[in-house]
PDB file of all heavy atoms in Angstrom:
ATOM      1  N   ARG A   1       0.810  -1.226   0.001  1.00  0.00           N
ATOM      2  CA  ARG A   1       0.040   0.004  -0.005  1.00  0.00           C
ATOM      3  C   ARG A   1       0.874   1.265  -0.030  1.00  0.00           C
ATOM      4  O   ARG A   1       0.504   2.278  -0.617  1.00  0.00           O
ATOM      5  CB  ARG A   1      -0.938  -0.069   1.159  1.00  0.00           C
ATOM      6  CG  ARG A   1      -2.109  -1.005   1.057  1.00  0.00           C
ATOM      7  CD  ARG A   1      -2.978  -1.048   2.204  1.00  0.00           C
ATOM      8  NE  ARG A   1      -4.121  -1.925   1.953  1.00  0.00           N
ATOM      9  CZ  ARG A   1      -4.922  -2.505   2.826  1.00  0.00           C
ATOM     10  NH1 ARG A   1      -4.560  -2.377   4.106  1.00  0.00           N
ATOM     11  NH2 ARG A   1      -5.992  -3.254   2.487  1.00  0.00           N
ATOM     12  N   ALA A   2       2.019   1.221   0.697  1.00  0.00           N
ATOM     13  CA  ALA A   2       2.867   2.399   0.707  1.00  0.00           C
ATOM     14  C   ALA A   2       3.438   2.584  -0.698  1.00  0.00           C
ATOM     15  O   ALA A   2       3.796   3.794  -0.966  1.00  0.00           O
ATOM     16  CB  ALA A   2       4.025   2.116   1.696  1.00  0.00           C
ATOM     17  N   ARG A   3       3.542   1.589  -1.503  1.00  0.00           N
ATOM     18  CA  ARG A   3       4.033   1.746  -2.875  1.00  0.00           C
ATOM     19  C   ARG A   3       2.914   2.252  -3.795  1.00  0.00           C
ATOM     20  O   ARG A   3       3.200   2.494  -4.973  1.00  0.00           O
ATOM     21  CB  ARG A   3       4.600   0.426  -3.368  1.00  0.00           C
ATOM     22  CG  ARG A   3       5.940   0.008  -2.790  1.00  0.00           C
ATOM     23  CD  ARG A   3       6.350  -1.403  -3.274  1.00  0.00           C
ATOM     24  NE  ARG A   3       7.705  -1.722  -2.994  1.00  0.00           N
ATOM     25  CZ  ARG A   3       8.142  -2.198  -1.829  1.00  0.00           C
ATOM     26  NH1 ARG A   3       7.282  -2.393  -0.812  1.00  0.00           N
ATOM     27  NH2 ARG A   3       9.431  -2.478  -1.659  1.00  0.00           N
ATOM     28  N   GLY A   4       1.753   2.248  -3.270  1.00  0.00           N
ATOM     29  CA  GLY A   4       0.603   2.838  -4.120  1.00  0.00           C
ATOM     30  C   GLY A   4      -0.303   1.655  -4.657  1.00  0.00           C
ATOM     31  O   GLY A   4      -1.197   1.993  -5.478  1.00  0.00           O
ATOM     32  N   HIS A   5      -0.067   0.427  -4.316  1.00  0.00           N
ATOM     33  CA  HIS A   5      -0.904  -0.652  -4.761  1.00  0.00           C
ATOM     34  C   HIS A   5      -2.216  -0.633  -4.054  1.00  0.00           C
ATOM     35  O   HIS A   5      -2.300  -0.325  -2.846  1.00  0.00           O
ATOM     36  CB  HIS A   5      -0.247  -2.003  -4.540  1.00  0.00           C
ATOM     37  CG  HIS A   5       0.985  -2.273  -5.348  1.00  0.00           C
ATOM     38  ND1 HIS A   5       0.929  -2.435  -6.719  1.00  0.00           N
ATOM     39  CD2 HIS A   5       2.258  -2.336  -5.032  1.00  0.00           C
ATOM     40  CE1 HIS A   5       2.122  -2.659  -7.236  1.00  0.00           C
ATOM     41  NE2 HIS A   5       2.940  -2.652  -6.217  1.00  0.00           N
ATOM     42  N   ARG A   6      -3.298  -0.916  -4.804  1.00  0.00           N
ATOM     43  CA  ARG A   6      -4.609  -1.078  -4.277  1.00  0.00           C
ATOM     44  C   ARG A   6      -4.931  -2.566  -4.141  1.00  0.00           C
ATOM     45  O   ARG A   6      -4.751  -3.269  -5.099  1.00  0.00           O
ATOM     46  CB  ARG A   6      -5.658  -0.388  -5.054  1.00  0.00           C
ATOM     47  CG  ARG A   6      -5.590   1.175  -5.065  1.00  0.00           C
ATOM     48  CD  ARG A   6      -6.741   1.811  -5.791  1.00  0.00           C
ATOM     49  NE  ARG A   6      -6.805   1.412  -7.214  1.00  0.00           N
ATOM     50  CZ  ARG A   6      -7.837   1.687  -8.038  1.00  0.00           C
ATOM     51  NH1 ARG A   6      -8.885   2.215  -7.564  1.00  0.00           N
ATOM     52  NH2 ARG A   6      -7.751   1.325  -9.300  1.00  0.00           N
ATOM     53  N   LEU A   7      -5.280  -2.988  -2.921  1.00  0.00           N
ATOM     54  CA  LEU A   7      -5.417  -4.423  -2.672  1.00  0.00           C
ATOM     55  C   LEU A   7      -6.876  -4.767  -2.472  1.00  0.00           C
ATOM     56  O   LEU A   7      -7.628  -3.995  -1.862  1.00  0.00           O
ATOM     57  CB  LEU A   7      -4.624  -4.850  -1.406  1.00  0.00           C
ATOM     58  CG  LEU A   7      -3.143  -5.156  -1.584  1.00  0.00           C
ATOM     59  CD1 LEU A   7      -2.377  -3.896  -2.026  1.00  0.00           C
ATOM     60  CD2 LEU A   7      -2.457  -5.705  -0.314  1.00  0.00           C
ATOM     61  N   SER A   8      -7.162  -5.989  -2.913  1.00  0.00           N
ATOM     62  CA  SER A   8      -8.533  -6.501  -2.727  1.00  0.00           C
ATOM     63  C   SER A   8      -8.512  -7.955  -2.294  1.00  0.00           C
ATOM     64  O   SER A   8      -8.030  -8.857  -3.062  1.00  0.00           O
ATOM     65  CB  SER A   8      -9.307  -6.359  -4.142  1.00  0.00           C
ATOM     66  OG  SER A   8     -10.641  -6.933  -4.072  1.00  0.00           O
ATOM     67  N   LEU A   9      -8.967  -8.270  -1.175  1.00  0.00           N
ATOM     68  CA  LEU A   9      -8.987  -9.600  -0.590  1.00  0.00           C
ATOM     69  C   LEU A   9      -9.972 -10.441  -1.260  1.00  0.00           C
ATOM     70  O   LEU A   9     -11.135 -10.045  -1.480  1.00  0.00           O
ATOM     71  CB  LEU A   9      -9.263  -9.553   0.918  1.00  0.00           C
ATOM     72  CG  LEU A   9      -9.327 -10.887   1.628  1.00  0.00           C
ATOM     73  CD1 LEU A   9      -7.978 -11.647   1.594  1.00  0.00           C
ATOM     74  CD2 LEU A   9      -9.819 -10.763   3.071  1.00  0.00           C
ATOM     75  N   ILE A  10      -9.589 -11.607  -1.697  1.00  0.00           N
ATOM     76  CA  ILE A  10     -10.467 -12.616  -2.310  1.00  0.00           C
ATOM     77  C   ILE A  10     -11.037 -13.548  -1.232  1.00  0.00           C
ATOM     78  O   ILE A  10     -10.278 -14.245  -0.600  1.00  0.00           O
ATOM     79  CB  ILE A  10      -9.751 -13.449  -3.440  1.00  0.00           C
ATOM     80  CG1 ILE A  10      -9.195 -12.501  -4.500  1.00  0.00           C
ATOM     81  CG2 ILE A  10     -10.661 -14.455  -4.003  1.00  0.00           C
ATOM     82  CD1 ILE A  10      -8.281 -13.199  -5.480  1.00  0.00           C
ATOM     83  N   GLU A  11     -12.362 -13.488  -1.036  1.00  0.00           N
ATOM     84  CA  GLU A  11     -12.930 -14.251   0.059  1.00  0.00           C
ATOM     85  C   GLU A  11     -13.110 -15.743  -0.330  1.00  0.00           C
ATOM     86  O   GLU A  11     -13.175 -16.591   0.589  1.00  0.00           O
ATOM     87  CB  GLU A  11     -14.321 -13.668   0.390  1.00  0.00           C
ATOM     88  CG  GLU A  11     -14.229 -12.164   0.870  1.00  0.00           C
ATOM     89  CD  GLU A  11     -13.651 -12.007   2.223  1.00  0.00           C
ATOM     90  OE1 GLU A  11     -13.462 -13.018   2.904  1.00  0.00           O
ATOM     91  OE2 GLU A  11     -13.354 -10.852   2.647  1.00  0.00           O
ATOM     92  N   ARG A  12     -13.281 -15.970  -1.591  1.00  0.00           N
ATOM     93  CA  ARG A  12     -13.584 -17.424  -2.019  1.00  0.00           C
ATOM     94  C   ARG A  12     -12.340 -18.026  -2.703  1.00  0.00           C
ATOM     95  O   ARG A  12     -11.663 -17.345  -3.493  1.00  0.00           O
ATOM     96  CB  ARG A  12     -14.766 -17.356  -2.982  1.00  0.00           C
ATOM     97  CG  ARG A  12     -15.224 -18.737  -3.384  1.00  0.00           C
ATOM     98  CD  ARG A  12     -16.381 -18.553  -4.345  1.00  0.00           C
ATOM     99  NE  ARG A  12     -16.887 -19.861  -4.903  1.00  0.00           N
ATOM    100  CZ  ARG A  12     -17.809 -20.042  -5.747  1.00  0.00           C
ATOM    101  NH1 ARG A  12     -18.372 -18.954  -6.346  1.00  0.00           N
ATOM    102  NH2 ARG A  12     -18.203 -21.282  -6.147  1.00  0.00           N
ATOM    103  N   ASP A  13     -12.121 -19.338  -2.458  1.00  0.00           N
ATOM    104  CA  ASP A  13     -11.035 -20.021  -3.118  1.00  0.00           C
ATOM    105  C   ASP A  13     -11.260 -20.029  -4.606  1.00  0.00           C
ATOM    106  O   ASP A  13     -12.396 -20.019  -5.054  1.00  0.00           O
ATOM    107  CB  ASP A  13     -10.948 -21.497  -2.664  1.00  0.00           C
ATOM    108  CG  ASP A  13     -10.496 -21.604  -1.243  1.00  0.00           C
ATOM    109  OD1 ASP A  13      -9.891 -20.633  -0.773  1.00  0.00           O
ATOM    110  OD2 ASP A  13     -10.589 -22.633  -0.591  1.00  0.00           O
ATOM    111  N   TYR A  14     -10.174 -19.917  -5.347  1.00  0.00           N
ATOM    112  CA  TYR A  14     -10.237 -20.104  -6.837  1.00  0.00           C
ATOM    113  C   TYR A  14      -9.163 -20.933  -7.335  1.00  0.00           C
ATOM    114  O   TYR A  14      -8.085 -21.123  -6.759  1.00  0.00           O
ATOM    115  CB  TYR A  14     -10.288 -18.692  -7.449  1.00  0.00           C
ATOM    116  CG  TYR A  14      -9.002 -17.883  -7.396  1.00  0.00           C
ATOM    117  CD1 TYR A  14      -8.010 -18.026  -8.402  1.00  0.00           C
ATOM    118  CD2 TYR A  14      -8.659 -17.090  -6.269  1.00  0.00           C
ATOM    119  CE1 TYR A  14      -6.802 -17.293  -8.327  1.00  0.00           C
ATOM    120  CE2 TYR A  14      -7.444 -16.412  -6.193  1.00  0.00           C
ATOM    121  CZ  TYR A  14      -6.531 -16.541  -7.232  1.00  0.00           C
ATOM    122  OH  TYR A  14      -5.338 -15.805  -7.189  1.00  0.00           O
ATOM    123  N   GLY A  15      -9.453 -21.479  -8.513  1.00  0.00           N
ATOM    124  CA  GLY A  15      -8.477 -22.387  -9.137  1.00  0.00           C
ATOM    125  C   GLY A  15      -8.582 -23.831  -8.655  1.00  0.00           C
ATOM    126  O   GLY A  15      -9.215 -24.130  -7.680  1.00  0.00           O
ATOM    127  N   ASN A  16      -8.062 -24.734  -9.464  1.00  0.00           N
ATOM    128  CA  ASN A  16      -8.009 -26.162  -9.118  1.00  0.00           C
ATOM    129  C   ASN A  16      -6.843 -26.748  -9.883  1.00  0.00           C
ATOM    130  O   ASN A  16      -6.977 -27.573 -10.796  1.00  0.00           O
ATOM    131  CB  ASN A  16      -9.364 -26.841  -9.498  1.00  0.00           C
ATOM    132  CG  ASN A  16      -9.419 -28.264  -9.024  1.00  0.00           C
ATOM    133  OD1 ASN A  16      -8.726 -28.660  -8.170  1.00  0.00           O
ATOM    134  ND2 ASN A  16     -10.333 -28.977  -9.612  1.00  0.00           N
ATOM    135  N   GLN A  17      -5.636 -26.349  -9.488  1.00  0.00           N
ATOM    136  CA  GLN A  17      -4.430 -26.706 -10.245  1.00  0.00           C
ATOM    137  C   GLN A  17      -4.056 -28.168 -10.112  1.00  0.00           C
ATOM    138  O   GLN A  17      -4.181 -28.815  -9.049  1.00  0.00           O
ATOM    139  CB  GLN A  17      -3.279 -25.814  -9.872  1.00  0.00           C
ATOM    140  CG  GLN A  17      -1.984 -26.045 -10.696  1.00  0.00           C
ATOM    141  CD  GLN A  17      -1.148 -24.756 -10.851  1.00  0.00           C
ATOM    142  OE1 GLN A  17      -0.272 -24.797 -11.683  1.00  0.00           O
ATOM    143  NE2 GLN A  17      -1.407 -23.791 -10.030  1.00  0.00           N
ATOM    144  N   GLN A  18      -3.511 -28.761 -11.154  1.00  0.00           N
ATOM    145  CA  GLN A  18      -2.970 -30.091 -11.181  1.00  0.00           C
ATOM    146  C   GLN A  18      -1.524 -30.050 -11.719  1.00  0.00           C
ATOM    147  O   GLN A  18      -1.263 -29.481 -12.760  1.00  0.00           O
ATOM    148  CB  GLN A  18      -3.816 -31.038 -12.136  1.00  0.00           C
ATOM    149  CG  GLN A  18      -5.309 -30.885 -11.898  1.00  0.00           C
ATOM    150  CD  GLN A  18      -5.788 -31.202 -10.509  1.00  0.00           C
ATOM    151  OE1 GLN A  18      -5.303 -32.108  -9.816  1.00  0.00           O
ATOM    152  NE2 GLN A  18      -6.801 -30.406 -10.029  1.00  0.00           N
ATOM    153  N   VAL A  19      -0.599 -30.702 -11.036  1.00  0.00           N
ATOM    154  CA  VAL A  19       0.806 -30.657 -11.407  1.00  0.00           C
ATOM    155  C   VAL A  19       1.461 -32.062 -11.413  1.00  0.00           C
ATOM    156  O   VAL A  19       0.908 -32.958 -10.774  1.00  0.00           O
ATOM    157  CB  VAL A  19       1.605 -29.785 -10.509  1.00  0.00           C
ATOM    158  CG1 VAL A  19       1.051 -28.362 -10.575  1.00  0.00           C
ATOM    159  CG2 VAL A  19       1.627 -30.282  -9.056  1.00  0.00           C
ATOM    160  N   LEU A  20       2.424 -32.226 -12.263  1.00  0.00           N
ATOM    161  CA  LEU A  20       3.205 -33.436 -12.370  1.00  0.00           C
ATOM    162  C   LEU A  20       4.708 -33.078 -12.290  1.00  0.00           C
ATOM    163  O   LEU A  20       5.093 -32.049 -12.711  1.00  0.00           O
ATOM    164  CB  LEU A  20       2.967 -34.144 -13.747  1.00  0.00           C
ATOM    165  CG  LEU A  20       1.628 -34.840 -13.942  1.00  0.00           C
ATOM    166  CD1 LEU A  20       1.518 -35.266 -15.377  1.00  0.00           C
ATOM    167  CD2 LEU A  20       1.421 -35.957 -12.952  1.00  0.00           C
ATOM    168  N   PHE A  21       5.525 -34.097 -11.803  1.00  0.00           N
ATOM    169  CA  PHE A  21       6.946 -33.918 -11.820  1.00  0.00           C
ATOM    170  C   PHE A  21       7.557 -35.290 -12.110  1.00  0.00           C
ATOM    171  O   PHE A  21       7.239 -36.301 -11.475  1.00  0.00           O
ATOM    172  CB  PHE A  21       7.481 -33.421 -10.488  1.00  0.00           C
ATOM    173  CG  PHE A  21       8.953 -33.296 -10.388  1.00  0.00           C
ATOM    174  CD1 PHE A  21       9.626 -32.351 -11.163  1.00  0.00           C
ATOM    175  CD2 PHE A  21       9.721 -34.139  -9.649  1.00  0.00           C
ATOM    176  CE1 PHE A  21      11.050 -32.260 -11.180  1.00  0.00           C
ATOM    177  CE2 PHE A  21      11.080 -34.067  -9.575  1.00  0.00           C
ATOM    178  CZ  PHE A  21      11.775 -33.087 -10.349  1.00  0.00           C
ATOM    179  N   TRP A  22       8.479 -35.302 -13.008  1.00  0.00           N
ATOM    180  CA  TRP A  22       9.241 -36.480 -13.375  1.00  0.00           C
ATOM    181  C   TRP A  22      10.717 -36.240 -13.245  1.00  0.00           C
ATOM    182  O   TRP A  22      11.281 -35.391 -13.960  1.00  0.00           O
ATOM    183  CB  TRP A  22       8.918 -36.912 -14.795  1.00  0.00           C
ATOM    184  CG  TRP A  22       9.624 -38.071 -15.342  1.00  0.00           C
ATOM    185  CD1 TRP A  22      10.193 -39.125 -14.715  1.00  0.00           C
ATOM    186  CD2 TRP A  22      10.005 -38.265 -16.752  1.00  0.00           C
ATOM    187  NE1 TRP A  22      10.850 -39.922 -15.521  1.00  0.00           N
ATOM    188  CE2 TRP A  22      10.783 -39.471 -16.829  1.00  0.00           C
ATOM    189  CE3 TRP A  22       9.783 -37.625 -17.925  1.00  0.00           C
ATOM    190  CZ2 TRP A  22      11.225 -39.980 -18.028  1.00  0.00           C
ATOM    191  CZ3 TRP A  22      10.254 -38.113 -19.145  1.00  0.00           C
ATOM    192  CH2 TRP A  22      10.935 -39.250 -19.158  1.00  0.00           C
ATOM    193  N   ASP A  23      11.354 -36.917 -12.346  1.00  0.00           N
ATOM    194  CA  ASP A  23      12.771 -36.857 -12.160  1.00  0.00           C
ATOM    195  C   ASP A  23      13.411 -37.894 -13.064  1.00  0.00           C
ATOM    196  O   ASP A  23      13.324 -39.078 -12.828  1.00  0.00           O
ATOM    197  CB  ASP A  23      13.187 -37.194 -10.682  1.00  0.00           C
ATOM    198  CG  ASP A  23      14.642 -37.011 -10.428  1.00  0.00           C
ATOM    199  OD1 ASP A  23      15.465 -37.217 -11.357  1.00  0.00           O
ATOM    200  OD2 ASP A  23      14.993 -36.663  -9.273  1.00  0.00           O
ATOM    201  N   LYS A  24      13.986 -37.426 -14.196  1.00  0.00           N
ATOM    202  CA  LYS A  24      14.438 -38.375 -15.179  1.00  0.00           C
ATOM    203  C   LYS A  24      15.635 -39.158 -14.731  1.00  0.00           C
ATOM    204  O   LYS A  24      15.863 -40.290 -15.244  1.00  0.00           O
ATOM    205  CB  LYS A  24      14.830 -37.549 -16.478  1.00  0.00           C
ATOM    206  CG  LYS A  24      13.644 -36.897 -17.154  1.00  0.00           C
ATOM    207  CD  LYS A  24      14.143 -36.101 -18.358  1.00  0.00           C
ATOM    208  CE  LYS A  24      13.014 -35.440 -19.062  1.00  0.00           C
ATOM    209  NZ  LYS A  24      13.390 -34.702 -20.291  1.00  0.00           N
ATOM    210  N   ARG A  25      16.378 -38.645 -13.768  1.00  0.00           N
ATOM    211  CA  ARG A  25      17.550 -39.423 -13.336  1.00  0.00           C
ATOM    212  C   ARG A  25      17.253 -40.615 -12.426  1.00  0.00           C
ATOM    213  O   ARG A  25      17.791 -41.622 -12.557  1.00  0.00           O
ATOM    214  CB  ARG A  25      18.513 -38.466 -12.623  1.00  0.00           C
ATOM    215  CG  ARG A  25      19.204 -37.439 -13.572  1.00  0.00           C
ATOM    216  CD  ARG A  25      19.989 -36.376 -12.814  1.00  0.00           C
ATOM    217  NE  ARG A  25      19.097 -35.420 -12.150  1.00  0.00           N
ATOM    218  CZ  ARG A  25      19.555 -34.224 -11.681  1.00  0.00           C
ATOM    219  NH1 ARG A  25      20.758 -33.829 -11.853  1.00  0.00           N
ATOM    220  NH2 ARG A  25      18.653 -33.405 -11.118  1.00  0.00           N
ATOM    221  N   SER A  26      16.213 -40.340 -11.589  1.00  0.00           N
ATOM    222  CA  SER A  26      15.840 -41.472 -10.678  1.00  0.00           C
ATOM    223  C   SER A  26      14.637 -42.253 -11.219  1.00  0.00           C
ATOM    224  O   SER A  26      14.360 -43.357 -10.737  1.00  0.00           O
ATOM    225  CB  SER A  26      15.461 -40.887  -9.325  1.00  0.00           C
ATOM    226  OG  SER A  26      14.254 -40.138  -9.319  1.00  0.00           O
ATOM    227  N   GLY A  27      13.885 -41.620 -12.153  1.00  0.00           N
ATOM    228  CA  GLY A  27      12.695 -42.243 -12.675  1.00  0.00           C
ATOM    229  C   GLY A  27      11.443 -41.983 -11.807  1.00  0.00           C
ATOM    230  O   GLY A  27      10.353 -42.469 -12.207  1.00  0.00           O
ATOM    231  N   ALA A  28      11.570 -41.296 -10.714  1.00  0.00           N
ATOM    232  CA  ALA A  28      10.496 -41.029  -9.804  1.00  0.00           C
ATOM    233  C   ALA A  28       9.507 -40.127 -10.417  1.00  0.00           C
ATOM    234  O   ALA A  28       9.869 -39.097 -11.074  1.00  0.00           O
ATOM    235  CB  ALA A  28      10.966 -40.474  -8.465  1.00  0.00           C
ATOM    236  N   VAL A  29       8.234 -40.381 -10.225  1.00  0.00           N
ATOM    237  CA  VAL A  29       7.155 -39.485 -10.706  1.00  0.00           C
ATOM    238  C   VAL A  29       6.342 -39.075  -9.533  1.00  0.00           C
ATOM    239  O   VAL A  29       5.939 -39.872  -8.636  1.00  0.00           O
ATOM    240  CB  VAL A  29       6.233 -40.209 -11.778  1.00  0.00           C
ATOM    241  CG1 VAL A  29       5.103 -39.339 -12.136  1.00  0.00           C
ATOM    242  CG2 VAL A  29       7.039 -40.610 -13.010  1.00  0.00           C
ATOM    243  N   GLN A  30       5.986 -37.816  -9.439  1.00  0.00           N
ATOM    244  CA  GLN A  30       5.150 -37.308  -8.404  1.00  0.00           C
ATOM    245  C   GLN A  30       4.000 -36.466  -8.997  1.00  0.00           C
ATOM    246  O   GLN A  30       4.226 -35.838 -10.077  1.00  0.00           O
ATOM    247  CB  GLN A  30       5.905 -36.438  -7.397  1.00  0.00           C
ATOM    248  CG  GLN A  30       6.975 -37.168  -6.605  1.00  0.00           C
ATOM    249  CD  GLN A  30       7.856 -36.252  -5.852  1.00  0.00           C
ATOM    250  OE1 GLN A  30       8.811 -35.685  -6.291  1.00  0.00           O
ATOM    251  NE2 GLN A  30       7.494 -36.030  -4.543  1.00  0.00           N
ATOM    252  N   ALA A  31       2.875 -36.402  -8.343  1.00  0.00           N
ATOM    253  CA  ALA A  31       1.768 -35.594  -8.785  1.00  0.00           C
ATOM    254  C   ALA A  31       1.084 -34.909  -7.577  1.00  0.00           C
ATOM    255  O   ALA A  31       1.240 -35.406  -6.448  1.00  0.00           O
ATOM    256  CB  ALA A  31       0.779 -36.426  -9.501  1.00  0.00           C
ATOM    257  N   ALA A  32       0.431 -33.829  -7.800  1.00  0.00           N
ATOM    258  CA  ALA A  32      -0.196 -33.078  -6.712  1.00  0.00           C
ATOM    259  C   ALA A  32      -1.476 -32.390  -7.220  1.00  0.00           C
ATOM    260  O   ALA A  32      -1.415 -31.924  -8.381  1.00  0.00           O
ATOM    261  CB  ALA A  32       0.726 -32.117  -5.999  1.00  0.00           C
ATOM    262  N   SER A  33      -2.428 -32.302  -6.442  1.00  0.00           N
ATOM    263  CA  SER A  33      -3.701 -31.578  -6.752  1.00  0.00           C
ATOM    264  C   SER A  33      -3.908 -30.442  -5.841  1.00  0.00           C
ATOM    265  O   SER A  33      -3.559 -30.526  -4.650  1.00  0.00           O
ATOM    266  CB  SER A  33      -4.847 -32.655  -6.645  1.00  0.00           C
ATOM    267  OG  SER A  33      -6.039 -32.166  -7.081  1.00  0.00           O
ATOM    268  N   ASP A  34      -4.581 -29.511  -6.333  1.00  0.00           N
ATOM    269  CA  ASP A  34      -4.816 -28.202  -5.557  1.00  0.00           C
ATOM    270  C   ASP A  34      -5.680 -28.566  -4.312  1.00  0.00           C
ATOM    271  O   ASP A  34      -6.822 -29.111  -4.439  1.00  0.00           O
ATOM    272  CB  ASP A  34      -5.585 -27.283  -6.432  1.00  0.00           C
ATOM    273  CG  ASP A  34      -5.579 -25.850  -5.952  1.00  0.00           C
ATOM    274  OD1 ASP A  34      -5.533 -25.637  -4.741  1.00  0.00           O
ATOM    275  OD2 ASP A  34      -5.575 -24.916  -6.814  1.00  0.00           O
ATOM    276  N   PRO A  35      -5.239 -28.234  -3.119  1.00  0.00           N
ATOM    277  CA  PRO A  35      -6.067 -28.449  -1.963  1.00  0.00           C
ATOM    278  C   PRO A  35      -7.290 -27.664  -1.904  1.00  0.00           C
ATOM    279  O   PRO A  35      -8.215 -27.998  -1.119  1.00  0.00           O
ATOM    280  CB  PRO A  35      -5.106 -28.134  -0.783  1.00  0.00           C
ATOM    281  CG  PRO A  35      -4.164 -27.159  -1.337  1.00  0.00           C
ATOM    282  CD  PRO A  35      -3.901 -27.582  -2.794  1.00  0.00           C
ATOM    283  N   ARG A  36      -7.423 -26.629  -2.712  1.00  0.00           N
ATOM    284  CA  ARG A  36      -8.609 -25.796  -2.698  1.00  0.00           C
ATOM    285  C   ARG A  36      -9.762 -26.454  -3.550  1.00  0.00           C
ATOM    286  O   ARG A  36     -10.922 -26.095  -3.446  1.00  0.00           O
ATOM    287  CB  ARG A  36      -8.373 -24.438  -3.417  1.00  0.00           C
ATOM    288  CG  ARG A  36      -7.237 -23.655  -2.698  1.00  0.00           C
ATOM    289  CD  ARG A  36      -6.826 -22.491  -3.683  1.00  0.00           C
ATOM    290  NE  ARG A  36      -5.730 -21.726  -3.229  1.00  0.00           N
ATOM    291  CZ  ARG A  36      -4.423 -22.105  -3.302  1.00  0.00           C
ATOM    292  NH1 ARG A  36      -4.144 -23.226  -3.842  1.00  0.00           N
ATOM    293  NH2 ARG A  36      -3.465 -21.279  -2.931  1.00  0.00           N
ATOM    294  N   GLY A  37      -9.348 -27.381  -4.416  1.00  0.00           N
ATOM    295  CA  GLY A  37     -10.305 -27.923  -5.389  1.00  0.00           C
ATOM    296  C   GLY A  37     -10.762 -29.363  -5.129  1.00  0.00           C
ATOM    297  O   GLY A  37     -10.638 -29.875  -3.980  1.00  0.00           O
ATOM    298  N   ILE A  38     -11.192 -30.070  -6.165  1.00  0.00           N
ATOM    299  CA  ILE A  38     -11.783 -31.386  -6.011  1.00  0.00           C
ATOM    300  C   ILE A  38     -10.967 -32.422  -6.794  1.00  0.00           C
ATOM    301  O   ILE A  38     -11.392 -33.547  -6.988  1.00  0.00           O
ATOM    302  CB  ILE A  38     -13.232 -31.445  -6.375  1.00  0.00           C
ATOM    303  CG1 ILE A  38     -13.377 -31.015  -7.924  1.00  0.00           C
ATOM    304  CG2 ILE A  38     -14.108 -30.570  -5.520  1.00  0.00           C
ATOM    305  CD1 ILE A  38     -14.742 -31.240  -8.489  1.00  0.00           C
ATOM    306  N   GLY A  39      -9.882 -32.023  -7.232  1.00  0.00           N
ATOM    307  CA  GLY A  39      -8.995 -32.874  -8.016  1.00  0.00           C
ATOM    308  C   GLY A  39      -8.341 -33.980  -7.211  1.00  0.00           C
ATOM    309  O   GLY A  39      -8.371 -34.001  -5.969  1.00  0.00           O
ATOM    310  N   ARG A  40      -7.699 -34.932  -7.859  1.00  0.00           N
ATOM    311  CA  ARG A  40      -6.996 -36.000  -7.183  1.00  0.00           C
ATOM    312  C   ARG A  40      -5.762 -36.397  -7.973  1.00  0.00           C
ATOM    313  O   ARG A  40      -5.753 -36.383  -9.208  1.00  0.00           O
ATOM    314  CB  ARG A  40      -7.932 -37.217  -7.116  1.00  0.00           C
ATOM    315  CG  ARG A  40      -7.388 -38.363  -6.197  1.00  0.00           C
ATOM    316  CD  ARG A  40      -8.428 -39.469  -6.134  1.00  0.00           C
ATOM    317  NE  ARG A  40      -7.993 -40.572  -5.332  1.00  0.00           N
ATOM    318  CZ  ARG A  40      -8.580 -41.728  -5.183  1.00  0.00           C
ATOM    319  NH1 ARG A  40      -9.724 -41.912  -5.893  1.00  0.00           N
ATOM    320  NH2 ARG A  40      -8.097 -42.652  -4.424  1.00  0.00           N
ATOM    321  N   ALA A  41      -4.657 -36.571  -7.237  1.00  0.00           N
ATOM    322  CA  ALA A  41      -3.414 -37.010  -7.835  1.00  0.00           C
ATOM    323  C   ALA A  41      -3.167 -38.507  -7.632  1.00  0.00           C
ATOM    324  O   ALA A  41      -3.249 -38.996  -6.470  1.00  0.00           O
ATOM    325  CB  ALA A  41      -2.242 -36.134  -7.247  1.00  0.00           C
ATOM    326  N   LEU A  42      -2.788 -39.215  -8.612  1.00  0.00           N
ATOM    327  CA  LEU A  42      -2.548 -40.643  -8.463  1.00  0.00           C
ATOM    328  C   LEU A  42      -1.299 -41.006  -9.321  1.00  0.00           C
ATOM    329  O   LEU A  42      -1.079 -40.506 -10.348  1.00  0.00           O
ATOM    330  CB  LEU A  42      -3.725 -41.476  -9.051  1.00  0.00           C
ATOM    331  CG  LEU A  42      -5.030 -41.453  -8.290  1.00  0.00           C
ATOM    332  CD1 LEU A  42      -6.121 -42.187  -9.018  1.00  0.00           C
ATOM    333  CD2 LEU A  42      -4.822 -42.132  -6.836  1.00  0.00           C
ATOM    334  N   THR A  43      -0.535 -41.913  -8.832  1.00  0.00           N
ATOM    335  CA  THR A  43       0.475 -42.584  -9.600  1.00  0.00           C
ATOM    336  C   THR A  43       0.187 -44.084  -9.507  1.00  0.00           C
ATOM    337  O   THR A  43      -0.039 -44.625  -8.502  1.00  0.00           O
ATOM    338  CB  THR A  43       1.927 -42.338  -9.021  1.00  0.00           C
ATOM    339  OG1 THR A  43       1.980 -42.704  -7.648  1.00  0.00           O
ATOM    340  CG2 THR A  43       2.276 -40.863  -9.188  1.00  0.00           C
ATOM    341  N   VAL A  44       0.252 -44.728 -10.708  1.00  0.00           N
ATOM    342  CA  VAL A  44      -0.092 -46.146 -10.833  1.00  0.00           C
ATOM    343  C   VAL A  44       1.059 -46.905 -11.466  1.00  0.00           C
ATOM    344  O   VAL A  44       1.623 -46.412 -12.463  1.00  0.00           O
ATOM    345  CB  VAL A  44      -1.373 -46.305 -11.727  1.00  0.00           C
ATOM    346  CG1 VAL A  44      -1.724 -47.795 -11.860  1.00  0.00           C
ATOM    347  CG2 VAL A  44      -2.553 -45.515 -11.145  1.00  0.00           C
TER     348      VAL A  44
END
């Protein structure tokens, strides 16, 4: 605010991000789902 930015608090969660990570050296695969949303991360 001291820099002149106007801020607006978001009351409701938004987004439902899904991510993957593959470590090519170890072969390990990881996945994660947004805790705000309804997605699910699975490795099979």
